[in-house]
Amino acid sequence: MKQNVFSVFLLLLALEASAQFEQKASLNLSAGIFKTLGDKTIISVPLQMPWYKPGIAADAGFQYNLSKNFSLVAEIGVFYSSSWDCVIDGYDWMTYEV
């Protein structure tokens, strides 16, 4: 399964990658969704990232080619996940008890 995902990633990268030497500047935009993966607990202690719900991501960038061998890139992105939800054995890790 991991080999298939990696192969698809390389295929998409090859389809998207192109030389921009003929263009002096380019604007790049992207958007998508994400889900953090991984083991949720280690010895009954929750790990932070796998408990986040799926979110959205957006990215914008600007590339300016100074020469055929050198270009400058400025990029900004935002990721948003609605909440962190962790309940293990009936205990909600987001609660506070006195």
PDB file of N, CA and C in Angstrom:
ATOM      1  N   MET A   1       0.822  -1.195   0.000  1.00  0.00           N
ATOM      2  CA  MET A   1       0.000   0.000   0.000  1.00  0.00           C
ATOM      3  C   MET A   1       0.869   1.263   0.000  1.00  0.00           C
ATOM      4  N   LYS A   2       1.909   1.264   0.852  1.00  0.00           N
ATOM      5  CA  LYS A   2       2.778   2.441   0.913  1.00  0.00           C
ATOM      6  C   LYS A   2       3.510   2.665  -0.405  1.00  0.00           C
ATOM      7  N   GLN A   3       3.881   1.577  -1.071  1.00  0.00           N
ATOM      8  CA  GLN A   3       4.560   1.699  -2.363  1.00  0.00           C
ATOM      9  C   GLN A   3       3.623   2.299  -3.404  1.00  0.00           C
ATOM     10  N   ASN A   4       2.337   1.927  -3.361  1.00  0.00           N
ATOM     11  CA  ASN A   4       1.366   2.481  -4.299  1.00  0.00           C
ATOM     12  C   ASN A   4       1.172   3.972  -4.071  1.00  0.00           C
ATOM     13  N   VAL A   5       1.069   4.374  -2.815  1.00  0.00           N
ATOM     14  CA  VAL A   5       0.910   5.794  -2.496  1.00  0.00           C
ATOM     15  C   VAL A   5       2.135   6.573  -2.950  1.00  0.00           C
ATOM     16  N   PHE A   6       3.318   6.038  -2.696  1.00  0.00           N
ATOM     17  CA  PHE A   6       4.545   6.702  -3.105  1.00  0.00           C
ATOM     18  C   PHE A   6       4.631   6.813  -4.629  1.00  0.00           C
ATOM     19  N   SER A   7       4.231   5.751  -5.335  1.00  0.00           N
ATOM     20  CA  SER A   7       4.256   5.766  -6.802  1.00  0.00           C
ATOM     21  C   SER A   7       3.296   6.811  -7.360  1.00  0.00           C
ATOM     22  N   VAL A   8       2.101   6.897  -6.789  1.00  0.00           N
ATOM     23  CA  VAL A   8       1.127   7.895  -7.233  1.00  0.00           C
ATOM     24  C   VAL A   8       1.657   9.294  -6.962  1.00  0.00           C
ATOM     25  N   PHE A   9       2.290   9.487  -5.797  1.00  0.00           N
ATOM     26  CA  PHE A   9       2.866  10.789  -5.466  1.00  0.00           C
ATOM     27  C   PHE A   9       3.926  11.192  -6.482  1.00  0.00           C
ATOM     28  N   LEU A  10       4.809  10.272  -6.842  1.00  0.00           N
ATOM     29  CA  LEU A  10       5.844  10.579  -7.827  1.00  0.00           C
ATOM     30  C   LEU A  10       5.233  10.882  -9.192  1.00  0.00           C
ATOM     31  N   LEU A  11       4.186  10.161  -9.556  1.00  0.00           N
ATOM     32  CA  LEU A  11       3.517  10.408 -10.825  1.00  0.00           C
ATOM     33  C   LEU A  11       2.905  11.804 -10.850  1.00  0.00           C
ATOM     34  N   LEU A  12       2.215  12.180  -9.767  1.00  0.00           N
ATOM     35  CA  LEU A  12       1.616  13.512  -9.692  1.00  0.00           C
ATOM     36  C   LEU A  12       2.683  14.592  -9.675  1.00  0.00           C
ATOM     37  N   LEU A  13       3.776  14.348  -8.978  1.00  0.00           N
ATOM     38  CA  LEU A  13       4.865  15.315  -8.936  1.00  0.00           C
ATOM     39  C   LEU A  13       5.455  15.515 -10.323  1.00  0.00           C
ATOM     40  N   ALA A  14       5.622  14.437 -11.064  1.00  0.00           N
ATOM     41  CA  ALA A  14       6.170  14.539 -12.417  1.00  0.00           C
ATOM     42  C   ALA A  14       5.203  15.271 -13.343  1.00  0.00           C
ATOM     43  N   LEU A  15       3.915  15.089 -13.146  1.00  0.00           N
ATOM     44  CA  LEU A  15       2.930  15.779 -13.981  1.00  0.00           C
ATOM     45  C   LEU A  15       2.892  17.273 -13.668  1.00  0.00           C
ATOM     46  N   GLU A  16       3.124  17.622 -12.400  1.00  0.00           N
ATOM     47  CA  GLU A  16       3.027  19.020 -11.980  1.00  0.00           C
ATOM     48  C   GLU A  16       4.328  19.785 -12.192  1.00  0.00           C
ATOM     49  N   ALA A  17       5.465  19.133 -12.039  1.00  0.00           N
ATOM     50  CA  ALA A  17       6.753  19.809 -12.143  1.00  0.00           C
ATOM     51  C   ALA A  17       7.044  20.190 -13.592  1.00  0.00           C
ATOM     52  N   SER A  18       7.417  21.420 -13.798  1.00  0.00           N
ATOM     53  CA  SER A  18       7.793  21.868 -15.131  1.00  0.00           C
ATOM     54  C   SER A  18       8.777  23.019 -15.007  1.00  0.00           C
ATOM     55  N   ALA A  19       9.669  23.092 -15.938  1.00  0.00           N
ATOM     56  CA  ALA A  19      10.662  24.168 -15.932  1.00  0.00           C
ATOM     57  C   ALA A  19       9.974  25.493 -16.211  1.00  0.00           C
ATOM     58  N   GLN A  20      10.330  26.494 -15.451  1.00  0.00           N
ATOM     59  CA  GLN A  20       9.729  27.810 -15.631  1.00  0.00           C
ATOM     60  C   GLN A  20      10.780  28.826 -16.059  1.00  0.00           C
ATOM     61  N   PHE A  21      11.783  28.358 -16.785  1.00  0.00           N
ATOM     62  CA  PHE A  21      12.864  29.254 -17.183  1.00  0.00           C
ATOM     63  C   PHE A  21      12.398  30.297 -18.196  1.00  0.00           C
ATOM     64  N   GLU A  22      11.365  29.949 -18.979  1.00  0.00           N
ATOM     65  CA  GLU A  22      10.875  30.899 -19.966  1.00  0.00           C
ATOM     66  C   GLU A  22      10.044  32.000 -19.320  1.00  0.00           C
ATOM     67  N   GLN A  23       9.515  31.724 -18.144  1.00  0.00           N
ATOM     68  CA  GLN A  23       8.691  32.704 -17.442  1.00  0.00           C
ATOM     69  C   GLN A  23       9.532  33.422 -16.392  1.00  0.00           C
ATOM     70  N   LYS A  24       9.393  34.717 -16.314  1.00  0.00           N
ATOM     71  CA  LYS A  24      10.148  35.479 -15.327  1.00  0.00           C
ATOM     72  C   LYS A  24       9.531  35.351 -13.938  1.00  0.00           C
ATOM     73  N   ALA A  25       8.195  35.245 -13.871  1.00  0.00           N
ATOM     74  CA  ALA A  25       7.519  35.134 -12.587  1.00  0.00           C
ATOM     75  C   ALA A  25       6.318  34.208 -12.715  1.00  0.00           C
ATOM     76  N   SER A  26       5.960  33.579 -11.617  1.00  0.00           N
ATOM     77  CA  SER A  26       4.783  32.725 -11.619  1.00  0.00           C
ATOM     78  C   SER A  26       4.096  32.789 -10.265  1.00  0.00           C
ATOM     79  N   LEU A  27       2.796  32.593 -10.276  1.00  0.00           N
ATOM     80  CA  LEU A  27       1.969  32.587  -9.075  1.00  0.00           C
ATOM     81  C   LEU A  27       1.412  31.184  -8.908  1.00  0.00           C
ATOM     82  N   ASN A  28       1.532  30.620  -7.700  1.00  0.00           N
ATOM     83  CA  ASN A  28       1.083  29.260  -7.430  1.00  0.00           C
ATOM     84  C   ASN A  28       0.026  29.287  -6.337  1.00  0.00           C
ATOM     85  N   LEU A  29      -1.082  28.591  -6.555  1.00  0.00           N
ATOM     86  CA  LEU A  29      -2.158  28.476  -5.579  1.00  0.00           C
ATOM     87  C   LEU A  29      -2.513  27.006  -5.412  1.00  0.00           C
ATOM     88  N   SER A  30      -2.845  26.613  -4.176  1.00  0.00           N
ATOM     89  CA  SER A  30      -3.294  25.246  -3.953  1.00  0.00           C
ATOM     90  C   SER A  30      -4.225  25.205  -2.745  1.00  0.00           C
ATOM     91  N   ALA A  31      -5.078  24.195  -2.717  1.00  0.00           N
ATOM     92  CA  ALA A  31      -5.996  23.982  -1.595  1.00  0.00           C
ATOM     93  C   ALA A  31      -6.258  22.496  -1.484  1.00  0.00           C
ATOM     94  N   GLY A  32      -6.613  22.060  -0.296  1.00  0.00           N
ATOM     95  CA  GLY A  32      -6.888  20.646  -0.105  1.00  0.00           C
ATOM     96  C   GLY A  32      -7.352  20.348   1.301  1.00  0.00           C
ATOM     97  N   ILE A  33      -7.440  19.062   1.606  1.00  0.00           N
ATOM     98  CA  ILE A  33      -7.826  18.615   2.932  1.00  0.00           C
ATOM     99  C   ILE A  33      -6.689  17.789   3.518  1.00  0.00           C
ATOM    100  N   PHE A  34      -6.683  17.657   4.846  1.00  0.00           N
ATOM    101  CA  PHE A  34      -5.655  16.844   5.480  1.00  0.00           C
ATOM    102  C   PHE A  34      -6.238  16.106   6.682  1.00  0.00           C
ATOM    103  N   LYS A  35      -5.589  15.023   7.056  1.00  0.00           N
ATOM    104  CA  LYS A  35      -5.908  14.265   8.252  1.00  0.00           C
ATOM    105  C   LYS A  35      -4.602  13.800   8.850  1.00  0.00           C
ATOM    106  N   THR A  36      -4.395  14.087  10.128  1.00  0.00           N
ATOM    107  CA  THR A  36      -3.185  13.629  10.798  1.00  0.00           C
ATOM    108  C   THR A  36      -3.330  12.149  11.124  1.00  0.00           C
ATOM    109  N   LEU A  37      -2.230  11.403  10.982  1.00  0.00           N
ATOM    110  CA  LEU A  37      -2.241   9.958  11.168  1.00  0.00           C
ATOM    111  C   LEU A  37      -1.254   9.564  12.247  1.00  0.00           C
ATOM    112  N   GLY A  38      -1.381   8.343  12.730  1.00  0.00           N
ATOM    113  CA  GLY A  38      -0.412   7.814  13.672  1.00  0.00           C
ATOM    114  C   GLY A  38      -1.078   7.099  14.833  1.00  0.00           C
ATOM    115  N   ASP A  39      -0.255   6.514  15.699  1.00  0.00           N
ATOM    116  CA  ASP A  39      -0.772   5.855  16.901  1.00  0.00           C
ATOM    117  C   ASP A  39      -1.402   6.903  17.802  1.00  0.00           C
ATOM    118  N   LYS A  40      -2.567   6.578  18.365  1.00  0.00           N
ATOM    119  CA  LYS A  40      -3.268   7.562  19.184  1.00  0.00           C
ATOM    120  C   LYS A  40      -2.776   7.598  20.627  1.00  0.00           C
ATOM    121  N   THR A  41      -2.249   6.490  21.124  1.00  0.00           N
ATOM    122  CA  THR A  41      -1.776   6.473  22.513  1.00  0.00           C
ATOM    123  C   THR A  41      -0.465   5.710  22.627  1.00  0.00           C
ATOM    124  N   ILE A  42       0.280   6.080  23.641  1.00  0.00           N
ATOM    125  CA  ILE A  42       1.463   5.327  24.057  1.00  0.00           C
ATOM    126  C   ILE A  42       1.325   5.149  25.564  1.00  0.00           C
ATOM    127  N   ILE A  43       1.083   3.916  25.993  1.00  0.00           N
ATOM    128  CA  ILE A  43       0.905   3.576  27.404  1.00  0.00           C
ATOM    129  C   ILE A  43      -0.145   4.494  28.039  1.00  0.00           C
ATOM    130  N   SER A  44      -1.317   4.529  27.469  1.00  0.00           N
ATOM    131  CA  SER A  44      -2.507   5.261  27.934  1.00  0.00           C
ATOM    132  C   SER A  44      -2.337   6.777  28.008  1.00  0.00           C
ATOM    133  N   VAL A  45      -1.309   7.311  27.385  1.00  0.00           N
ATOM    134  CA  VAL A  45      -1.136   8.766  27.309  1.00  0.00           C
ATOM    135  C   VAL A  45      -1.369   9.162  25.852  1.00  0.00           C
ATOM    136  N   PRO A  46      -2.290  10.088  25.608  1.00  0.00           N
ATOM    137  CA  PRO A  46      -2.596  10.412  24.210  1.00  0.00           C
ATOM    138  C   PRO A  46      -1.488  11.224  23.545  1.00  0.00           C
ATOM    139  N   LEU A  47      -1.252  10.914  22.284  1.00  0.00           N
ATOM    140  CA  LEU A  47      -0.378  11.742  21.473  1.00  0.00           C
ATOM    141  C   LEU A  47      -1.236  12.848  20.863  1.00  0.00           C
ATOM    142  N   GLN A  48      -0.675  13.998  20.629  1.00  0.00           N
ATOM    143  CA  GLN A  48      -1.473  15.145  20.230  1.00  0.00           C
ATOM    144  C   GLN A  48      -2.031  15.064  18.819  1.00  0.00           C
ATOM    145  N   MET A  49      -1.209  14.829  17.816  1.00  0.00           N
ATOM    146  CA  MET A  49      -1.619  15.008  16.429  1.00  0.00           C
ATOM    147  C   MET A  49      -2.711  14.049  15.932  1.00  0.00           C
ATOM    148  N   PRO A  50      -2.691  12.742  16.225  1.00  0.00           N
ATOM    149  CA  PRO A  50      -3.707  11.861  15.643  1.00  0.00           C
ATOM    150  C   PRO A  50      -5.137  12.155  16.093  1.00  0.00           C
ATOM    151  N   TRP A  51      -5.326  12.914  17.166  1.00  0.00           N
ATOM    152  CA  TRP A  51      -6.668  13.181  17.669  1.00  0.00           C
ATOM    153  C   TRP A  51      -7.328  14.379  16.995  1.00  0.00           C
ATOM    154  N   TYR A  52      -6.614  15.113  16.169  1.00  0.00           N
ATOM    155  CA  TYR A  52      -7.244  16.226  15.463  1.00  0.00           C
ATOM    156  C   TYR A  52      -8.198  15.708  14.401  1.00  0.00           C
ATOM    157  N   LYS A  53      -9.313  16.406  14.224  1.00  0.00           N
ATOM    158  CA  LYS A  53     -10.265  16.046  13.175  1.00  0.00           C
ATOM    159  C   LYS A  53      -9.700  16.506  11.825  1.00  0.00           C
ATOM    160  N   PRO A  54     -10.225  15.976  10.715  1.00  0.00           N
ATOM    161  CA  PRO A  54      -9.754  16.416   9.395  1.00  0.00           C
ATOM    162  C   PRO A  54      -9.924  17.928   9.225  1.00  0.00           C
ATOM    163  N   GLY A  55      -9.059  18.521   8.430  1.00  0.00           N
ATOM    164  CA  GLY A  55      -9.106  19.968   8.239  1.00  0.00           C
ATOM    165  C   GLY A  55      -8.855  20.348   6.794  1.00  0.00           C
ATOM    166  N   ILE A  56      -8.766  21.650   6.589  1.00  0.00           N
ATOM    167  CA  ILE A  56      -8.524  22.173   5.248  1.00  0.00           C
ATOM    168  C   ILE A  56      -7.188  22.911   5.236  1.00  0.00           C
ATOM    169  N   ALA A  57      -6.603  22.986   4.058  1.00  0.00           N
ATOM    170  CA  ALA A  57      -5.318  23.668   3.894  1.00  0.00           C
ATOM    171  C   ALA A  57      -5.367  24.521   2.637  1.00  0.00           C
ATOM    172  N   ALA A  58      -4.713  25.674   2.697  1.00  0.00           N
ATOM    173  CA  ALA A  58      -4.612  26.545   1.530  1.00  0.00           C
ATOM    174  C   ALA A  58      -3.194  27.101   1.480  1.00  0.00           C
ATOM    175  N   ASP A  59      -2.713  27.332   0.276  1.00  0.00           N
ATOM    176  CA  ASP A  59      -1.336  27.747   0.093  1.00  0.00           C
ATOM    177  C   ASP A  59      -1.243  28.673  -1.114  1.00  0.00           C
ATOM    178  N   ALA A  60      -0.439  29.706  -0.994  1.00  0.00           N
ATOM    179  CA  ALA A  60      -0.198  30.622  -2.112  1.00  0.00           C
ATOM    180  C   ALA A  60       1.291  30.938  -2.154  1.00  0.00           C
ATOM    181  N   GLY A  61       1.827  31.037  -3.358  1.00  0.00           N
ATOM    182  CA  GLY A  61       3.250  31.312  -3.497  1.00  0.00           C
ATOM    183  C   GLY A  61       3.552  32.128  -4.733  1.00  0.00           C
ATOM    184  N   PHE A  62       4.695  32.773  -4.701  1.00  0.00           N
ATOM    185  CA  PHE A  62       5.163  33.583  -5.824  1.00  0.00           C
ATOM    186  C   PHE A  62       6.609  33.211  -6.091  1.00  0.00           C
ATOM    187  N   GLN A  63       6.932  32.955  -7.347  1.00  0.00           N
ATOM    188  CA  GLN A  63       8.292  32.589  -7.736  1.00  0.00           C
ATOM    189  C   GLN A  63       8.797  33.590  -8.765  1.00  0.00           C
ATOM    190  N   TYR A  64      10.009  34.090  -8.522  1.00  0.00           N
ATOM    191  CA  TYR A  64      10.630  35.034  -9.448  1.00  0.00           C
ATOM    192  C   TYR A  64      11.981  34.469  -9.870  1.00  0.00           C
ATOM    193  N   ASN A  65      12.153  34.263 -11.155  1.00  0.00           N
ATOM    194  CA  ASN A  65      13.397  33.688 -11.679  1.00  0.00           C
ATOM    195  C   ASN A  65      14.410  34.796 -11.962  1.00  0.00           C
ATOM    196  N   LEU A  66      15.543  34.741 -11.276  1.00  0.00           N
ATOM    197  CA  LEU A  66      16.613  35.704 -11.497  1.00  0.00           C
ATOM    198  C   LEU A  66      17.503  35.279 -12.666  1.00  0.00           C
ATOM    199  N   SER A  67      17.666  33.963 -12.814  1.00  0.00           N
ATOM    200  CA  SER A  67      18.460  33.416 -13.923  1.00  0.00           C
ATOM    201  C   SER A  67      17.999  31.987 -14.155  1.00  0.00           C
ATOM    202  N   LYS A  68      18.659  31.281 -15.065  1.00  0.00           N
ATOM    203  CA  LYS A  68      18.287  29.892 -15.316  1.00  0.00           C
ATOM    204  C   LYS A  68      18.656  28.970 -14.161  1.00  0.00           C
ATOM    205  N   ASN A  69      19.519  29.427 -13.279  1.00  0.00           N
ATOM    206  CA  ASN A  69      19.982  28.593 -12.181  1.00  0.00           C
ATOM    207  C   ASN A  69      19.502  29.045 -10.808  1.00  0.00           C
ATOM    208  N   PHE A  70      18.850  30.192 -10.718  1.00  0.00           N
ATOM    209  CA  PHE A  70      18.507  30.718  -9.394  1.00  0.00           C
ATOM    210  C   PHE A  70      17.165  31.439  -9.450  1.00  0.00           C
ATOM    211  N   SER A  71      16.311  31.132  -8.499  1.00  0.00           N
ATOM    212  CA  SER A  71      15.030  31.832  -8.386  1.00  0.00           C
ATOM    213  C   SER A  71      14.690  32.024  -6.912  1.00  0.00           C
ATOM    214  N   LEU A  72      13.874  33.005  -6.642  1.00  0.00           N
ATOM    215  CA  LEU A  72      13.409  33.291  -5.285  1.00  0.00           C
ATOM    216  C   LEU A  72      11.937  32.909  -5.182  1.00  0.00           C
ATOM    217  N   VAL A  73      11.567  32.343  -4.028  1.00  0.00           N
ATOM    218  CA  VAL A  73      10.189  31.912  -3.806  1.00  0.00           C
ATOM    219  C   VAL A  73       9.708  32.463  -2.478  1.00  0.00           C
ATOM    220  N   ALA A  74       8.502  33.015  -2.471  1.00  0.00           N
ATOM    221  CA  ALA A  74       7.821  33.419  -1.240  1.00  0.00           C
ATOM    222  C   ALA A  74       6.522  32.629  -1.184  1.00  0.00           C
ATOM    223  N   GLU A  75       6.260  32.046  -0.026  1.00  0.00           N
ATOM    224  CA  GLU A  75       5.101  31.177   0.078  1.00  0.00           C
ATOM    225  C   GLU A  75       4.443  31.343   1.439  1.00  0.00           C
ATOM    226  N   ILE A  76       3.120  31.299   1.467  1.00  0.00           N
ATOM    227  CA  ILE A  76       2.374  31.382   2.719  1.00  0.00           C
ATOM    228  C   ILE A  76       1.254  30.354   2.671  1.00  0.00           C
ATOM    229  N   GLY A  77       0.976  29.753   3.801  1.00  0.00           N
ATOM    230  CA  GLY A  77      -0.067  28.735   3.844  1.00  0.00           C
ATOM    231  C   GLY A  77      -0.810  28.774   5.165  1.00  0.00           C
ATOM    232  N   VAL A  78      -1.996  28.222   5.164  1.00  0.00           N
ATOM    233  CA  VAL A  78      -2.808  28.148   6.378  1.00  0.00           C
ATOM    234  C   VAL A  78      -3.441  26.762   6.452  1.00  0.00           C
ATOM    235  N   PHE A  79      -3.454  26.215   7.655  1.00  0.00           N
ATOM    236  CA  PHE A  79      -4.086  24.936   7.920  1.00  0.00           C
ATOM    237  C   PHE A  79      -5.099  25.148   9.031  1.00  0.00           C
ATOM    238  N   TYR A  80      -6.296  24.588   8.879  1.00  0.00           N
ATOM    239  CA  TYR A  80      -7.332  24.742   9.900  1.00  0.00           C
ATOM    240  C   TYR A  80      -7.965  23.388  10.193  1.00  0.00           C
ATOM    241  N   SER A  81      -7.981  23.023  11.465  1.00  0.00           N
ATOM    242  CA  SER A  81      -8.671  21.825  11.922  1.00  0.00           C
ATOM    243  C   SER A  81      -9.682  22.254  12.973  1.00  0.00           C
ATOM    244  N   SER A  82     -10.895  21.734  12.887  1.00  0.00           N
ATOM    245  CA  SER A  82     -11.978  22.249  13.730  1.00  0.00           C
ATOM    246  C   SER A  82     -11.757  22.037  15.225  1.00  0.00           C
ATOM    247  N   SER A  83     -11.257  20.880  15.633  1.00  0.00           N
ATOM    248  CA  SER A  83     -11.088  20.673  17.074  1.00  0.00           C
ATOM    249  C   SER A  83     -10.198  19.472  17.361  1.00  0.00           C
ATOM    250  N   TRP A  84      -9.840  19.372  18.622  1.00  0.00           N
ATOM    251  CA  TRP A  84      -9.062  18.243  19.133  1.00  0.00           C
ATOM    252  C   TRP A  84      -9.991  17.465  20.031  1.00  0.00           C
ATOM    253  N   ASP A  85     -10.254  16.213  19.721  1.00  0.00           N
ATOM    254  CA  ASP A  85     -11.244  15.413  20.428  1.00  0.00           C
ATOM    255  C   ASP A  85     -10.591  14.125  20.885  1.00  0.00           C
ATOM    256  N   CYS A  86     -10.361  13.994  22.201  1.00  0.00           N
ATOM    257  CA  CYS A  86      -9.674  12.817  22.735  1.00  0.00           C
ATOM    258  C   CYS A  86     -10.429  12.269  23.936  1.00  0.00           C
ATOM    259  N   VAL A  87     -11.044  11.097  23.771  1.00  0.00           N
ATOM    260  CA  VAL A  87     -11.718  10.409  24.871  1.00  0.00           C
ATOM    261  C   VAL A  87     -11.162   8.992  24.920  1.00  0.00           C
ATOM    262  N   ILE A  88     -10.520   8.637  26.049  1.00  0.00           N
ATOM    263  CA  ILE A  88      -9.944   7.309  26.235  1.00  0.00           C
ATOM    264  C   ILE A  88     -10.559   6.699  27.483  1.00  0.00           C
ATOM    265  N   ASP A  89     -11.164   5.522  27.339  1.00  0.00           N
ATOM    266  CA  ASP A  89     -11.812   4.806  28.439  1.00  0.00           C
ATOM    267  C   ASP A  89     -12.795   5.700  29.187  1.00  0.00           C
ATOM    268  N   GLY A  90     -13.553   6.498  28.469  1.00  0.00           N
ATOM    269  CA  GLY A  90     -14.567   7.352  29.090  1.00  0.00           C
ATOM    270  C   GLY A  90     -14.037   8.646  29.682  1.00  0.00           C
ATOM    271  N   TYR A  91     -12.726   8.867  29.644  1.00  0.00           N
ATOM    272  CA  TYR A  91     -12.158  10.106  30.184  1.00  0.00           C
ATOM    273  C   TYR A  91     -11.859  11.072  29.035  1.00  0.00           C
ATOM    274  N   ASP A  92     -12.417  12.270  29.129  1.00  0.00           N
ATOM    275  CA  ASP A  92     -12.202  13.300  28.127  1.00  0.00           C
ATOM    276  C   ASP A  92     -10.973  14.104  28.525  1.00  0.00           C
ATOM    277  N   TRP A  93      -9.920  14.022  27.731  1.00  0.00           N
ATOM    278  CA  TRP A  93      -8.663  14.694  28.030  1.00  0.00           C
ATOM    279  C   TRP A  93      -8.742  16.218  27.909  1.00  0.00           C
ATOM    280  N   MET A  94      -9.860  16.729  27.387  1.00  0.00           N
ATOM    281  CA  MET A  94     -10.032  18.185  27.283  1.00  0.00           C
ATOM    282  C   MET A  94     -10.770  18.760  28.492  1.00  0.00           C
ATOM    283  N   THR A  95     -11.169  17.935  29.455  1.00  0.00           N
ATOM    284  CA  THR A  95     -11.869  18.445  30.630  1.00  0.00           C
ATOM    285  C   THR A  95     -10.885  18.845  31.717  1.00  0.00           C
ATOM    286  N   TYR A  96     -11.361  19.671  32.598  1.00  0.00           N
ATOM    287  CA  TYR A  96     -10.536  20.117  33.733  1.00  0.00           C
ATOM    288  C   TYR A  96     -11.303  19.799  35.001  1.00  0.00           C
ATOM    289  N   GLU A  97     -10.700  19.059  35.904  1.00  0.00           N
ATOM    290  CA  GLU A  97     -11.366  18.676  37.150  1.00  0.00           C
ATOM    291  C   GLU A  97     -10.574  19.206  38.332  1.00  0.00           C
ATOM    292  N   VAL A  98     -11.318  19.681  39.308  1.00  0.00           N
ATOM    293  CA  VAL A  98     -10.686  20.192  40.533  1.00  0.00           C
ATOM    294  C   VAL A  98     -10.923  19.211  41.652  1.00  0.00           C
TER     295      VAL A  98
END
